[in-house]
């Protein structure tokens, strides 16, 4: 994978996430798309999607990755998948929650 195709794929990921975030505005507090600015500062693209499953339970699915910084070696340094089930004491995506998390680094 060359540096040019790497930048194209990253641009497609950002565009896709922006399109999804604009389309989720119609379903208030049923879907939330998030990102971590500190990950982006370390050149690790990431995106999380949180989906409401019931009145008090949501599922948060997050993915992140980091590519090699050299042009000759464009492999993934790390990739992370982080599913999380959240129980909300009031309404979902509000204030107080009890998360159950697992991390997978393939």
PDB file of N, CA and C in Angstrom:
ATOM      1  N   UNK A   1       0.844  -1.168   0.000  1.00  0.00           N
ATOM      2  CA  UNK A   1       0.000   0.000   0.000  1.00  0.00           C
ATOM      3  C   UNK A   1       0.894   1.238   0.000  1.00  0.00           C
ATOM      4  N   UNK A   2       0.711   2.127  -0.935  1.00  0.00           N
ATOM      5  CA  UNK A   2       1.547   3.318  -1.016  1.00  0.00           C
ATOM      6  C   UNK A   2       0.978   4.427  -0.147  1.00  0.00           C
ATOM      7  N   UNK A   3       1.785   5.456   0.055  1.00  0.00           N
ATOM      8  CA  UNK A   3       1.364   6.584   0.891  1.00  0.00           C
ATOM      9  C   UNK A   3       0.178   7.316   0.267  1.00  0.00           C
ATOM     10  N   UNK A   4       0.127   7.388  -1.058  1.00  0.00           N
ATOM     11  CA  UNK A   4      -0.974   8.083  -1.731  1.00  0.00           C
ATOM     12  C   UNK A   4      -2.287   7.329  -1.510  1.00  0.00           C
ATOM     13  N   UNK A   5      -2.264   6.008  -1.669  1.00  0.00           N
ATOM     14  CA  UNK A   5      -3.493   5.247  -1.458  1.00  0.00           C
ATOM     15  C   UNK A   5      -3.889   5.243   0.020  1.00  0.00           C
ATOM     16  N   UNK A   6      -2.904   5.328   0.917  1.00  0.00           N
ATOM     17  CA  UNK A   6      -3.186   5.419   2.336  1.00  0.00           C
ATOM     18  C   UNK A   6      -3.942   6.700   2.647  1.00  0.00           C
ATOM     19  N   UNK A   7      -3.516   7.818   2.049  1.00  0.00           N
ATOM     20  CA  UNK A   7      -4.191   9.093   2.267  1.00  0.00           C
ATOM     21  C   UNK A   7      -5.580   9.085   1.647  1.00  0.00           C
ATOM     22  N   UNK A   8      -5.741   8.429   0.514  1.00  0.00           N
ATOM     23  CA  UNK A   8      -7.075   8.334  -0.108  1.00  0.00           C
ATOM     24  C   UNK A   8      -8.025   7.547   0.775  1.00  0.00           C
ATOM     25  N   UNK A   9      -7.536   6.430   1.334  1.00  0.00           N
ATOM     26  CA  UNK A   9      -8.386   5.631   2.215  1.00  0.00           C
ATOM     27  C   UNK A   9      -8.755   6.393   3.471  1.00  0.00           C
ATOM     28  N   UNK A  10      -7.831   7.149   4.022  1.00  0.00           N
ATOM     29  CA  UNK A  10      -8.107   7.949   5.203  1.00  0.00           C
ATOM     30  C   UNK A  10      -9.131   9.031   4.879  1.00  0.00           C
ATOM     31  N   UNK A  11      -9.003   9.646   3.706  1.00  0.00           N
ATOM     32  CA  UNK A  11      -9.967  10.659   3.279  1.00  0.00           C
ATOM     33  C   UNK A  11     -11.349  10.068   3.100  1.00  0.00           C
ATOM     34  N   UNK A  12     -11.424   8.851   2.564  1.00  0.00           N
ATOM     35  CA  UNK A  12     -12.722   8.187   2.397  1.00  0.00           C
ATOM     36  C   UNK A  12     -13.345   7.872   3.750  1.00  0.00           C
ATOM     37  N   UNK A  13     -12.520   7.460   4.722  1.00  0.00           N
ATOM     38  CA  UNK A  13     -13.024   7.166   6.058  1.00  0.00           C
ATOM     39  C   UNK A  13     -13.601   8.419   6.706  1.00  0.00           C
ATOM     40  N   UNK A  14     -12.898   9.539   6.592  1.00  0.00           N
ATOM     41  CA  UNK A  14     -13.375  10.792   7.172  1.00  0.00           C
ATOM     42  C   UNK A  14     -14.666  11.234   6.490  1.00  0.00           C
ATOM     43  N   UNK A  15     -14.723  11.160   5.163  1.00  0.00           N
ATOM     44  CA  UNK A  15     -15.920  11.545   4.425  1.00  0.00           C
ATOM     45  C   UNK A  15     -17.099  10.651   4.801  1.00  0.00           C
ATOM     46  N   UNK A  16     -16.869   9.355   4.897  1.00  0.00           N
ATOM     47  CA  UNK A  16     -17.923   8.414   5.270  1.00  0.00           C
ATOM     48  C   UNK A  16     -18.447   8.706   6.674  1.00  0.00           C
ATOM     49  N   UNK A  17     -17.544   8.996   7.611  1.00  0.00           N
ATOM     50  CA  UNK A  17     -17.985   9.289   8.976  1.00  0.00           C
ATOM     51  C   UNK A  17     -18.765  10.598   9.044  1.00  0.00           C
ATOM     52  N   UNK A  18     -18.378  11.592   8.231  1.00  0.00           N
ATOM     53  CA  UNK A  18     -19.133  12.844   8.198  1.00  0.00           C
ATOM     54  C   UNK A  18     -20.523  12.637   7.609  1.00  0.00           C
ATOM     55  N   UNK A  19     -20.613  11.814   6.580  1.00  0.00           N
ATOM     56  CA  UNK A  19     -21.919  11.518   5.995  1.00  0.00           C
ATOM     57  C   UNK A  19     -22.816  10.791   6.984  1.00  0.00           C
ATOM     58  N   UNK A  20     -22.260   9.844   7.715  1.00  0.00           N
ATOM     59  CA  UNK A  20     -23.049   9.118   8.707  1.00  0.00           C
ATOM     60  C   UNK A  20     -23.482  10.021   9.853  1.00  0.00           C
ATOM     61  N   UNK A  21     -22.615  10.914  10.268  1.00  0.00           N
ATOM     62  CA  UNK A  21     -22.975  11.789  11.379  1.00  0.00           C
ATOM     63  C   UNK A  21     -24.075  12.759  10.976  1.00  0.00           C
ATOM     64  N   UNK A  22     -24.111  13.173   9.729  1.00  0.00           N
ATOM     65  CA  UNK A  22     -25.168  14.064   9.266  1.00  0.00           C
ATOM     66  C   UNK A  22     -26.492  13.353   9.134  1.00  0.00           C
ATOM     67  N   UNK A  23     -26.475  12.067   8.801  1.00  0.00           N
ATOM     68  CA  UNK A  23     -27.727  11.334   8.617  1.00  0.00           C
ATOM     69  C   UNK A  23     -28.308  10.850   9.934  1.00  0.00           C
ATOM     70  N   UNK A  24     -27.532  10.828  10.997  1.00  0.00           N
ATOM     71  CA  UNK A  24     -28.041  10.327  12.269  1.00  0.00           C
ATOM     72  C   UNK A  24     -28.745  11.401  13.086  1.00  0.00           C
ATOM     73  N   UNK A  25     -28.771  12.631  12.618  1.00  0.00           N
ATOM     74  CA  UNK A  25     -29.408  13.708  13.372  1.00  0.00           C
ATOM     75  C   UNK A  25     -30.916  13.510  13.476  1.00  0.00           C
ATOM     76  N   UNK A  26     -31.518  12.785  12.552  1.00  0.00           N
ATOM     77  CA  UNK A  26     -32.963  12.578  12.561  1.00  0.00           C
ATOM     78  C   UNK A  26     -33.394  11.621  13.671  1.00  0.00           C
ATOM     79  N   UNK A  27     -32.503  10.781  14.153  1.00  0.00           N
ATOM     80  CA  UNK A  27     -32.832   9.825  15.197  1.00  0.00           C
ATOM     81  C   UNK A  27     -32.138  10.247  16.489  1.00  0.00           C
ATOM     82  N   UNK A  28     -32.682  11.232  17.151  1.00  0.00           N
ATOM     83  CA  UNK A  28     -32.046  11.792  18.340  1.00  0.00           C
ATOM     84  C   UNK A  28     -31.930  10.745  19.436  1.00  0.00           C
ATOM     85  N   UNK A  29     -30.773  10.601  19.968  1.00  0.00           N
ATOM     86  CA  UNK A  29     -30.423   9.700  21.053  1.00  0.00           C
ATOM     87  C   UNK A  29     -30.740   8.236  20.763  1.00  0.00           C
ATOM     88  N   UNK A  30     -30.661   7.859  19.523  1.00  0.00           N
ATOM     89  CA  UNK A  30     -30.728   6.440  19.158  1.00  0.00           C
ATOM     90  C   UNK A  30     -29.391   5.989  18.594  1.00  0.00           C
ATOM     91  N   UNK A  31     -28.705   6.900  17.909  1.00  0.00           N
ATOM     92  CA  UNK A  31     -27.389   6.618  17.345  1.00  0.00           C
ATOM     93  C   UNK A  31     -26.487   7.806  17.642  1.00  0.00           C
ATOM     94  N   UNK A  32     -25.271   7.523  18.066  1.00  0.00           N
ATOM     95  CA  UNK A  32     -24.281   8.577  18.289  1.00  0.00           C
ATOM     96  C   UNK A  32     -22.974   8.156  17.632  1.00  0.00           C
ATOM     97  N   UNK A  33     -22.404   9.034  16.831  1.00  0.00           N
ATOM     98  CA  UNK A  33     -21.089   8.792  16.234  1.00  0.00           C
ATOM     99  C   UNK A  33     -20.086   9.695  16.926  1.00  0.00           C
ATOM    100  N   UNK A  34     -18.961   9.098  17.342  1.00  0.00           N
ATOM    101  CA  UNK A  34     -17.970   9.841  18.115  1.00  0.00           C
ATOM    102  C   UNK A  34     -16.578   9.539  17.587  1.00  0.00           C
ATOM    103  N   UNK A  35     -15.648  10.377  17.983  1.00  0.00           N
ATOM    104  CA  UNK A  35     -14.243  10.154  17.684  1.00  0.00           C
ATOM    105  C   UNK A  35     -13.424  10.665  18.854  1.00  0.00           C
ATOM    106  N   UNK A  36     -12.151  10.296  18.898  1.00  0.00           N
ATOM    107  CA  UNK A  36     -11.261  10.699  19.974  1.00  0.00           C
ATOM    108  C   UNK A  36     -10.188  11.606  19.387  1.00  0.00           C
ATOM    109  N   UNK A  37     -10.211  12.870  19.747  1.00  0.00           N
ATOM    110  CA  UNK A  37      -9.278  13.851  19.186  1.00  0.00           C
ATOM    111  C   UNK A  37      -7.824  13.540  19.544  1.00  0.00           C
ATOM    112  N   UNK A  38      -7.587  12.962  20.708  1.00  0.00           N
ATOM    113  CA  UNK A  38      -6.206  12.631  21.086  1.00  0.00           C
ATOM    114  C   UNK A  38      -5.648  11.514  20.217  1.00  0.00           C
ATOM    115  N   UNK A  39      -6.499  10.569  19.820  1.00  0.00           N
ATOM    116  CA  UNK A  39      -6.058   9.531  18.889  1.00  0.00           C
ATOM    117  C   UNK A  39      -5.686  10.148  17.545  1.00  0.00           C
ATOM    118  N   UNK A  40      -6.512  11.082  17.056  1.00  0.00           N
ATOM    119  CA  UNK A  40      -6.219  11.740  15.779  1.00  0.00           C
ATOM    120  C   UNK A  40      -4.920  12.534  15.876  1.00  0.00           C
ATOM    121  N   UNK A  41      -4.626  13.116  17.037  1.00  0.00           N
ATOM    122  CA  UNK A  41      -3.383  13.875  17.217  1.00  0.00           C
ATOM    123  C   UNK A  41      -2.161  12.968  17.104  1.00  0.00           C
ATOM    124  N   UNK A  42      -2.316  11.696  17.419  1.00  0.00           N
ATOM    125  CA  UNK A  42      -1.217  10.743  17.279  1.00  0.00           C
ATOM    126  C   UNK A  42      -1.309   9.971  15.962  1.00  0.00           C
ATOM    127  N   UNK A  43      -2.098  10.491  15.017  1.00  0.00           N
ATOM    128  CA  UNK A  43      -2.286   9.914  13.683  1.00  0.00           C
ATOM    129  C   UNK A  43      -2.860   8.498  13.750  1.00  0.00           C
ATOM    130  N   UNK A  44      -3.821   8.324  14.644  1.00  0.00           N
ATOM    131  CA  UNK A  44      -4.525   7.050  14.788  1.00  0.00           C
ATOM    132  C   UNK A  44      -6.011   7.280  14.503  1.00  0.00           C
ATOM    133  N   UNK A  45      -6.435   7.103  13.257  1.00  0.00           N
ATOM    134  CA  UNK A  45      -7.843   7.326  12.937  1.00  0.00           C
ATOM    135  C   UNK A  45      -8.747   6.391  13.747  1.00  0.00           C
ATOM    136  N   UNK A  46      -9.867   6.935  14.216  1.00  0.00           N
ATOM    137  CA  UNK A  46     -10.785   6.138  15.016  1.00  0.00           C
ATOM    138  C   UNK A  46     -12.196   6.658  14.854  1.00  0.00           C
ATOM    139  N   UNK A  47     -13.144   5.794  15.110  1.00  0.00           N
ATOM    140  CA  UNK A  47     -14.548   6.176  15.094  1.00  0.00           C
ATOM    141  C   UNK A  47     -15.306   5.215  15.998  1.00  0.00           C
ATOM    142  N   UNK A  48     -16.259   5.754  16.734  1.00  0.00           N
ATOM    143  CA  UNK A  48     -17.116   4.972  17.612  1.00  0.00           C
ATOM    144  C   UNK A  48     -18.563   5.219  17.217  1.00  0.00           C
ATOM    145  N   UNK A  49     -19.352   4.187  17.274  1.00  0.00           N
ATOM    146  CA  UNK A  49     -20.786   4.320  17.068  1.00  0.00           C
ATOM    147  C   UNK A  49     -21.506   3.735  18.263  1.00  0.00           C
ATOM    148  N   UNK A  50     -22.428   4.497  18.824  1.00  0.00           N
ATOM    149  CA  UNK A  50     -23.195   4.021  19.971  1.00  0.00           C
ATOM    150  C   UNK A  50     -24.653   3.881  19.543  1.00  0.00           C
ATOM    151  N   UNK A  51     -25.221   2.711  19.794  1.00  0.00           N
ATOM    152  CA  UNK A  51     -26.570   2.378  19.336  1.00  0.00           C
ATOM    153  C   UNK A  51     -27.443   2.025  20.525  1.00  0.00           C
ATOM    154  N   UNK A  52     -28.620   2.574  20.562  1.00  0.00           N
ATOM    155  CA  UNK A  52     -29.568   2.305  21.638  1.00  0.00           C
ATOM    156  C   UNK A  52     -30.236   0.959  21.393  1.00  0.00           C
ATOM    157  N   UNK A  53     -30.144   0.051  22.368  1.00  0.00           N
ATOM    158  CA  UNK A  53     -30.736  -1.274  22.254  1.00  0.00           C
ATOM    159  C   UNK A  53     -32.075  -1.367  22.978  1.00  0.00           C
ATOM    160  N   UNK A  54     -32.193  -0.681  24.107  1.00  0.00           N
ATOM    161  CA  UNK A  54     -33.439  -0.665  24.865  1.00  0.00           C
ATOM    162  C   UNK A  54     -33.517   0.652  25.626  1.00  0.00           C
ATOM    163  N   UNK A  55     -34.443   0.720  26.556  1.00  0.00           N
ATOM    164  CA  UNK A  55     -34.657   1.987  27.271  1.00  0.00           C
ATOM    165  C   UNK A  55     -33.444   2.409  28.106  1.00  0.00           C
ATOM    166  N   UNK A  56     -32.676   1.458  28.599  1.00  0.00           N
ATOM    167  CA  UNK A  56     -31.533   1.774  29.459  1.00  0.00           C
ATOM    168  C   UNK A  56     -30.207   1.196  28.971  1.00  0.00           C
ATOM    169  N   UNK A  57     -30.187   0.498  27.854  1.00  0.00           N
ATOM    170  CA  UNK A  57     -28.968  -0.187  27.403  1.00  0.00           C
ATOM    171  C   UNK A  57     -28.560   0.299  26.028  1.00  0.00           C
ATOM    172  N   UNK A  58     -27.250   0.593  25.865  1.00  0.00           N
ATOM    173  CA  UNK A  58     -26.691   0.948  24.564  1.00  0.00           C
ATOM    174  C   UNK A  58     -25.479   0.072  24.289  1.00  0.00           C
ATOM    175  N   UNK A  59     -25.131  -0.031  23.015  1.00  0.00           N
ATOM    176  CA  UNK A  59     -23.951  -0.769  22.577  1.00  0.00           C
ATOM    177  C   UNK A  59     -23.032   0.211  21.877  1.00  0.00           C
ATOM    178  N   UNK A  60     -21.801   0.318  22.358  1.00  0.00           N
ATOM    179  CA  UNK A  60     -20.808   1.209  21.778  1.00  0.00           C
ATOM    180  C   UNK A  60     -19.768   0.352  21.053  1.00  0.00           C
ATOM    181  N   UNK A  61     -19.606   0.578  19.750  1.00  0.00           N
ATOM    182  CA  UNK A  61     -18.611  -0.148  18.954  1.00  0.00           C
ATOM    183  C   UNK A  61     -17.581   0.847  18.448  1.00  0.00           C
ATOM    184  N   UNK A  62     -16.330   0.609  18.782  1.00  0.00           N
ATOM    185  CA  UNK A  62     -15.267   1.512  18.363  1.00  0.00           C
ATOM    186  C   UNK A  62     -14.154   0.781  17.648  1.00  0.00           C
ATOM    187  N   UNK A  63     -13.601   1.435  16.630  1.00  0.00           N
ATOM    188  CA  UNK A  63     -12.440   0.900  15.923  1.00  0.00           C
ATOM    189  C   UNK A  63     -11.390   2.000  15.813  1.00  0.00           C
ATOM    190  N   UNK A  64     -10.133   1.587  15.859  1.00  0.00           N
ATOM    191  CA  UNK A  64      -9.020   2.519  15.725  1.00  0.00           C
ATOM    192  C   UNK A  64      -7.847   1.789  15.098  1.00  0.00           C
ATOM    193  N   UNK A  65      -6.927   2.537  14.540  1.00  0.00           N
ATOM    194  CA  UNK A  65      -5.740   1.948  13.940  1.00  0.00           C
ATOM    195  C   UNK A  65      -4.657   2.991  13.786  1.00  0.00           C
ATOM    196  N   UNK A  66      -3.446   2.534  13.572  1.00  0.00           N
ATOM    197  CA  UNK A  66      -2.326   3.435  13.367  1.00  0.00           C
ATOM    198  C   UNK A  66      -1.402   2.798  12.340  1.00  0.00           C
ATOM    199  N   UNK A  67      -1.095   3.553  11.308  1.00  0.00           N
ATOM    200  CA  UNK A  67      -0.233   3.061  10.247  1.00  0.00           C
ATOM    201  C   UNK A  67       1.218   3.406  10.546  1.00  0.00           C
ATOM    202  N   UNK A  68       2.115   2.691   9.924  1.00  0.00           N
ATOM    203  CA  UNK A  68       3.535   2.969  10.056  1.00  0.00           C
ATOM    204  C   UNK A  68       3.833   4.360   9.517  1.00  0.00           C
ATOM    205  N   UNK A  69       4.797   5.043  10.097  1.00  0.00           N
ATOM    206  CA  UNK A  69       5.099   6.407   9.684  1.00  0.00           C
ATOM    207  C   UNK A  69       6.084   6.484   8.527  1.00  0.00           C
ATOM    208  N   UNK A  70       6.702   5.385   8.162  1.00  0.00           N
ATOM    209  CA  UNK A  70       7.625   5.414   7.033  1.00  0.00           C
ATOM    210  C   UNK A  70       6.873   5.121   5.744  1.00  0.00           C
ATOM    211  N   UNK A  71       7.330   5.705   4.654  1.00  0.00           N
ATOM    212  CA  UNK A  71       6.668   5.539   3.365  1.00  0.00           C
ATOM    213  C   UNK A  71       6.856   4.116   2.843  1.00  0.00           C
ATOM    214  N   UNK A  72       8.014   3.507   3.093  1.00  0.00           N
ATOM    215  CA  UNK A  72       8.301   2.177   2.567  1.00  0.00           C
ATOM    216  C   UNK A  72       7.496   1.085   3.270  1.00  0.00           C
ATOM    217  N   UNK A  73       7.155   1.300   4.506  1.00  0.00           N
ATOM    218  CA  UNK A  73       6.459   0.276   5.284  1.00  0.00           C
ATOM    219  C   UNK A  73       5.105   0.814   5.744  1.00  0.00           C
ATOM    220  N   UNK A  74       4.069   0.663   4.926  1.00  0.00           N
ATOM    221  CA  UNK A  74       2.739   1.171   5.256  1.00  0.00           C
ATOM    222  C   UNK A  74       1.846   0.067   5.802  1.00  0.00           C
ATOM    223  N   UNK A  75       2.276  -0.562   6.859  1.00  0.00           N
ATOM    224  CA  UNK A  75       1.473  -1.589   7.497  1.00  0.00           C
ATOM    225  C   UNK A  75       0.828  -1.011   8.753  1.00  0.00           C
ATOM    226  N   UNK A  76      -0.171  -1.681   9.251  1.00  0.00           N
ATOM    227  CA  UNK A  76      -0.804  -1.240  10.484  1.00  0.00           C
ATOM    228  C   UNK A  76       0.109  -1.524  11.669  1.00  0.00           C
ATOM    229  N   UNK A  77       0.396  -0.506  12.461  1.00  0.00           N
ATOM    230  CA  UNK A  77       1.155  -0.713  13.682  1.00  0.00           C
ATOM    231  C   UNK A  77       0.262  -1.347  14.740  1.00  0.00           C
ATOM    232  N   UNK A  78      -0.939  -0.799  14.862  1.00  0.00           N
ATOM    233  CA  UNK A  78      -1.890  -1.403  15.776  1.00  0.00           C
ATOM    234  C   UNK A  78      -3.301  -1.185  15.247  1.00  0.00           C
ATOM    235  N   UNK A  79      -4.162  -2.082  15.626  1.00  0.00           N
ATOM    236  CA  UNK A  79      -5.581  -1.954  15.322  1.00  0.00           C
ATOM    237  C   UNK A  79      -6.339  -2.354  16.577  1.00  0.00           C
ATOM    238  N   UNK A  80      -7.420  -1.657  16.831  1.00  0.00           N
ATOM    239  CA  UNK A  80      -8.165  -1.885  18.061  1.00  0.00           C
ATOM    240  C   UNK A  80      -9.656  -1.918  17.757  1.00  0.00           C
ATOM    241  N   UNK A  81     -10.327  -2.889  18.333  1.00  0.00           N
ATOM    242  CA  UNK A  81     -11.774  -2.989  18.276  1.00  0.00           C
ATOM    243  C   UNK A  81     -12.251  -2.997  19.724  1.00  0.00           C
ATOM    244  N   UNK A  82     -13.176  -2.101  20.065  1.00  0.00           N
ATOM    245  CA  UNK A  82     -13.602  -2.012  21.465  1.00  0.00           C
ATOM    246  C   UNK A  82     -15.121  -1.957  21.592  1.00  0.00           C
ATOM    247  N   UNK A  83     -15.762  -3.127  21.714  1.00  0.00           N
ATOM    248  CA  UNK A  83     -17.199  -3.130  21.985  1.00  0.00           C
ATOM    249  C   UNK A  83     -17.455  -2.866  23.471  1.00  0.00           C
ATOM    250  N   UNK A  84     -18.546  -2.176  23.748  1.00  0.00           N
ATOM    251  CA  UNK A  84     -18.876  -1.859  25.138  1.00  0.00           C
ATOM    252  C   UNK A  84     -20.390  -1.837  25.284  1.00  0.00           C
ATOM    253  N   UNK A  85     -20.906  -2.552  26.276  1.00  0.00           N
ATOM    254  CA  UNK A  85     -22.321  -2.503  26.612  1.00  0.00           C
ATOM    255  C   UNK A  85     -22.458  -1.553  27.793  1.00  0.00           C
ATOM    256  N   UNK A  86     -23.411  -0.621  27.686  1.00  0.00           N
ATOM    257  CA  UNK A  86     -23.577   0.396  28.720  1.00  0.00           C
ATOM    258  C   UNK A  86     -24.995   0.343  29.276  1.00  0.00           C
ATOM    259  N   UNK A  87     -25.090   0.313  30.602  1.00  0.00           N
ATOM    260  CA  UNK A  87     -26.390   0.412  31.263  1.00  0.00           C
ATOM    261  C   UNK A  87     -26.507   1.827  31.815  1.00  0.00           C
ATOM    262  N   UNK A  88     -27.548   2.534  31.411  1.00  0.00           N
ATOM    263  CA  UNK A  88     -27.780   3.918  31.827  1.00  0.00           C
ATOM    264  C   UNK A  88     -28.841   3.927  32.920  1.00  0.00           C
ATOM    265  N   UNK A  89     -28.557   4.625  34.020  1.00  0.00           N
ATOM    266  CA  UNK A  89     -29.499   4.670  35.139  1.00  0.00           C
ATOM    267  C   UNK A  89     -30.695   5.558  34.833  1.00  0.00           C
ATOM    268  N   UNK A  90     -30.509   6.582  34.015  1.00  0.00           N
ATOM    269  CA  UNK A  90     -31.644   7.386  33.569  1.00  0.00           C
ATOM    270  C   UNK A  90     -31.875   7.061  32.098  1.00  0.00           C
ATOM    271  N   UNK A  91     -32.034   8.042  31.243  1.00  0.00           N
ATOM    272  CA  UNK A  91     -32.222   7.757  29.816  1.00  0.00           C
ATOM    273  C   UNK A  91     -30.863   7.558  29.132  1.00  0.00           C
ATOM    274  N   UNK A  92     -30.831   6.844  28.016  1.00  0.00           N
ATOM    275  CA  UNK A  92     -29.557   6.563  27.349  1.00  0.00           C
ATOM    276  C   UNK A  92     -28.831   7.825  26.888  1.00  0.00           C
ATOM    277  N   UNK A  93     -27.501   7.744  26.938  1.00  0.00           N
ATOM    278  CA  UNK A  93     -26.603   8.804  26.503  1.00  0.00           C
ATOM    279  C   UNK A  93     -26.821  10.093  27.287  1.00  0.00           C
ATOM    280  N   UNK A  94     -27.135   9.942  28.579  1.00  0.00           N
ATOM    281  CA  UNK A  94     -27.386  11.109  29.416  1.00  0.00           C
ATOM    282  C   UNK A  94     -26.234  11.323  30.385  1.00  0.00           C
ATOM    283  N   UNK A  95     -26.359  10.934  31.637  1.00  0.00           N
ATOM    284  CA  UNK A  95     -25.355  11.304  32.624  1.00  0.00           C
ATOM    285  C   UNK A  95     -24.659  10.103  33.256  1.00  0.00           C
ATOM    286  N   UNK A  96     -25.385   9.237  33.924  1.00  0.00           N
ATOM    287  CA  UNK A  96     -24.793   8.181  34.732  1.00  0.00           C
ATOM    288  C   UNK A  96     -24.929   6.833  34.042  1.00  0.00           C
ATOM    289  N   UNK A  97     -23.804   6.101  33.998  1.00  0.00           N
ATOM    290  CA  UNK A  97     -23.825   4.805  33.334  1.00  0.00           C
ATOM    291  C   UNK A  97     -22.931   3.811  34.041  1.00  0.00           C
ATOM    292  N   UNK A  98     -23.155   2.543  33.745  1.00  0.00           N
ATOM    293  CA  UNK A  98     -22.340   1.441  34.232  1.00  0.00           C
ATOM    294  C   UNK A  98     -21.844   0.682  33.006  1.00  0.00           C
ATOM    295  N   UNK A  99     -20.578   0.903  32.579  1.00  0.00           N
ATOM    296  CA  UNK A  99     -20.097   0.254  31.349  1.00  0.00           C
ATOM    297  C   UNK A  99     -19.481  -1.116  31.605  1.00  0.00           C
ATOM    298  N   UNK A 100     -19.633  -1.994  30.644  1.00  0.00           N
ATOM    299  CA  UNK A 100     -18.950  -3.297  30.622  1.00  0.00           C
ATOM    300  C   UNK A 100     -18.181  -3.334  29.297  1.00  0.00           C
ATOM    301  N   UNK A 101     -16.859  -3.371  29.396  1.00  0.00           N
ATOM    302  CA  UNK A 101     -16.015  -3.195  28.215  1.00  0.00           C
ATOM    303  C   UNK A 101     -15.119  -4.382  27.982  1.00  0.00           C
ATOM    304  N   UNK A 102     -14.777  -4.599  26.732  1.00  0.00           N
ATOM    305  CA  UNK A 102     -13.753  -5.559  26.356  1.00  0.00           C
ATOM    306  C   UNK A 102     -12.944  -4.963  25.213  1.00  0.00           C
ATOM    307  N   UNK A 103     -11.662  -5.216  25.165  1.00  0.00           N
ATOM    308  CA  UNK A 103     -10.805  -4.710  24.103  1.00  0.00           C
ATOM    309  C   UNK A 103     -10.235  -5.870  23.320  1.00  0.00           C
ATOM    310  N   UNK A 104     -10.158  -5.699  22.029  1.00  0.00           N
ATOM    311  CA  UNK A 104      -9.554  -6.710  21.168  1.00  0.00           C
ATOM    312  C   UNK A 104      -8.513  -6.032  20.298  1.00  0.00           C
ATOM    313  N   UNK A 105      -7.300  -6.507  20.358  1.00  0.00           N
ATOM    314  CA  UNK A 105      -6.221  -6.008  19.507  1.00  0.00           C
ATOM    315  C   UNK A 105      -5.774  -7.137  18.601  1.00  0.00           C
ATOM    316  N   UNK A 106      -6.398  -7.238  17.413  1.00  0.00           N
ATOM    317  CA  UNK A 106      -6.058  -8.352  16.511  1.00  0.00           C
ATOM    318  C   UNK A 106      -4.628  -8.278  16.026  1.00  0.00           C
TER     319      UNK A 106
END
